[in-house]
Amino acid sequence: MLSYLRRDMTRVCNIDSKGKVVRFITGIVAVFSGLVMALMITQNVLPLEIYWVPVIGSIIGGAFSIWEARAGWCVVRAMGIKTPI
C-alpha cells in the first residue's frame, strides 16, 4: 500500500502556469490574512486564544500553497483528484 502511494505522489510538475499563479496569489492572501488576524489578536480585537489556531493554519497553508506554486506540483492533483485550474 505504501509503495503505491509513493509511486503516485512523485513530485512531477503537474500544474500549468495559470495554476501556479492561482496558487501563488492564494498563498499570499492566506499568509497576509493570517498576519492580519495575528495583529488583531495582539491588539485584543479578537480576545480569545482559540483564534491562534486559524492564524497558524492560515500562515502554514499559505506558505505551502506558495511552495506548490514554486515547485509546480499540486498535492491534490498528485492524489488523483481533478482540479479545474
Protein backbone atom coordinates (compact mmCIF):
# COMPACT_ATOMS: atom_id res chain seq x y z
CA MET A 1 0.00 0.00 0.00
CA LEU A 2 2.75 2.45 0.91
CA SER A 3 4.70 1.78 -2.29
CA TYR A 4 1.51 2.51 -4.26
CA LEU A 5 1.22 5.94 -2.61
CA ARG A 6 4.87 6.75 -3.15
CA ARG A 7 4.70 5.91 -6.83
CA ASP A 8 1.64 8.12 -7.44
CA MET A 9 2.76 11.02 -5.24
CA THR A 10 6.05 11.66 -7.02
CA ARG A 11 6.85 15.33 -7.33
CA VAL A 12 6.49 15.78 -11.06
CA CYS A 13 5.27 19.11 -12.40
CA ASN A 14 1.50 18.63 -12.68
CA ILE A 15 0.16 22.20 -12.94
CA ASP A 16 0.49 24.77 -15.70
CA SER A 17 1.42 28.44 -15.41
CA LYS A 18 -2.18 29.50 -14.73
CA GLY A 19 -2.39 27.05 -11.81
CA LYS A 20 0.91 28.32 -10.46
CA VAL A 21 -0.33 31.92 -10.48
CA VAL A 22 -3.59 30.98 -8.76
CA ARG A 23 -1.77 29.01 -6.05
CA PHE A 24 0.77 31.79 -5.54
CA ILE A 25 -1.88 34.50 -5.16
CA THR A 26 -3.94 32.27 -2.86
CA GLY A 27 -0.85 31.64 -0.73
CA ILE A 28 -0.04 35.33 -0.44
CA VAL A 29 -3.63 36.16 0.55
CA ALA A 30 -3.66 33.36 3.15
CA VAL A 31 -0.35 34.42 4.72
CA PHE A 32 -1.42 38.07 4.74
CA SER A 33 -4.78 37.15 6.31
CA GLY A 34 -3.02 35.12 8.98
CA LEU A 35 -0.74 38.03 9.80
CA VAL A 36 -3.71 40.43 10.00
CA MET A 37 -5.53 38.04 12.35
CA ALA A 38 -2.38 37.76 14.48
CA LEU A 39 -2.21 41.54 14.69
CA MET A 40 -5.87 41.68 15.70
CA ILE A 41 -5.23 39.14 18.48
CA THR A 42 -2.26 41.08 19.82
CA GLN A 43 -4.38 44.27 19.83
CA ASN A 44 -7.23 42.49 21.70
CA VAL A 45 -9.70 42.88 18.83
CA LEU A 46 -10.03 39.08 18.85
CA PRO A 47 -9.66 38.37 22.56
CA LEU A 48 -9.81 34.58 22.68
CA GLU A 49 -6.67 32.45 22.48
CA ILE A 50 -8.51 29.92 20.32
CA TYR A 51 -8.08 32.30 17.38
CA TRP A 52 -4.38 31.38 17.21
CA VAL A 53 -5.35 28.05 15.61
CA PRO A 54 -6.70 29.63 12.38
CA VAL A 55 -3.80 32.10 12.37
CA ILE A 56 -1.23 29.32 12.37
CA GLY A 57 -3.27 27.26 9.90
CA SER A 58 -3.62 30.18 7.51
CA ILE A 59 0.07 31.01 7.58
CA ILE A 60 1.23 27.41 7.18
CA GLY A 61 -1.36 26.67 4.49
CA GLY A 62 -0.46 29.83 2.62
CA ALA A 63 3.24 29.04 2.79
CA PHE A 64 2.53 25.54 1.46
CA SER A 65 0.48 26.99 -1.40
CA ILE A 66 3.34 29.33 -2.30
CA TRP A 67 5.73 26.36 -2.23
CA GLU A 68 3.37 24.40 -4.51
CA ALA A 69 3.34 27.31 -6.97
CA ARG A 70 7.12 27.49 -6.93
CA ALA A 71 7.55 23.73 -7.35
CA GLY A 72 4.81 23.40 -9.96
CA TRP A 73 3.36 20.47 -8.05
CA CYS A 74 -0.11 20.17 -6.55
CA VAL A 75 -0.69 17.60 -3.81
CA VAL A 76 -4.40 17.34 -4.65
CA ARG A 77 -3.65 16.53 -8.29
CA ALA A 78 -0.96 14.08 -7.21
CA MET A 79 -3.66 12.18 -5.28
CA GLY A 80 -5.65 11.84 -8.49
CA ILE A 81 -8.31 14.48 -7.88
CA LYS A 82 -9.01 16.58 -10.97
CA THR A 83 -8.95 20.32 -10.31
CA PRO A 84 -10.36 22.88 -12.73
CA ILE A 85 -7.25 25.07 -12.70
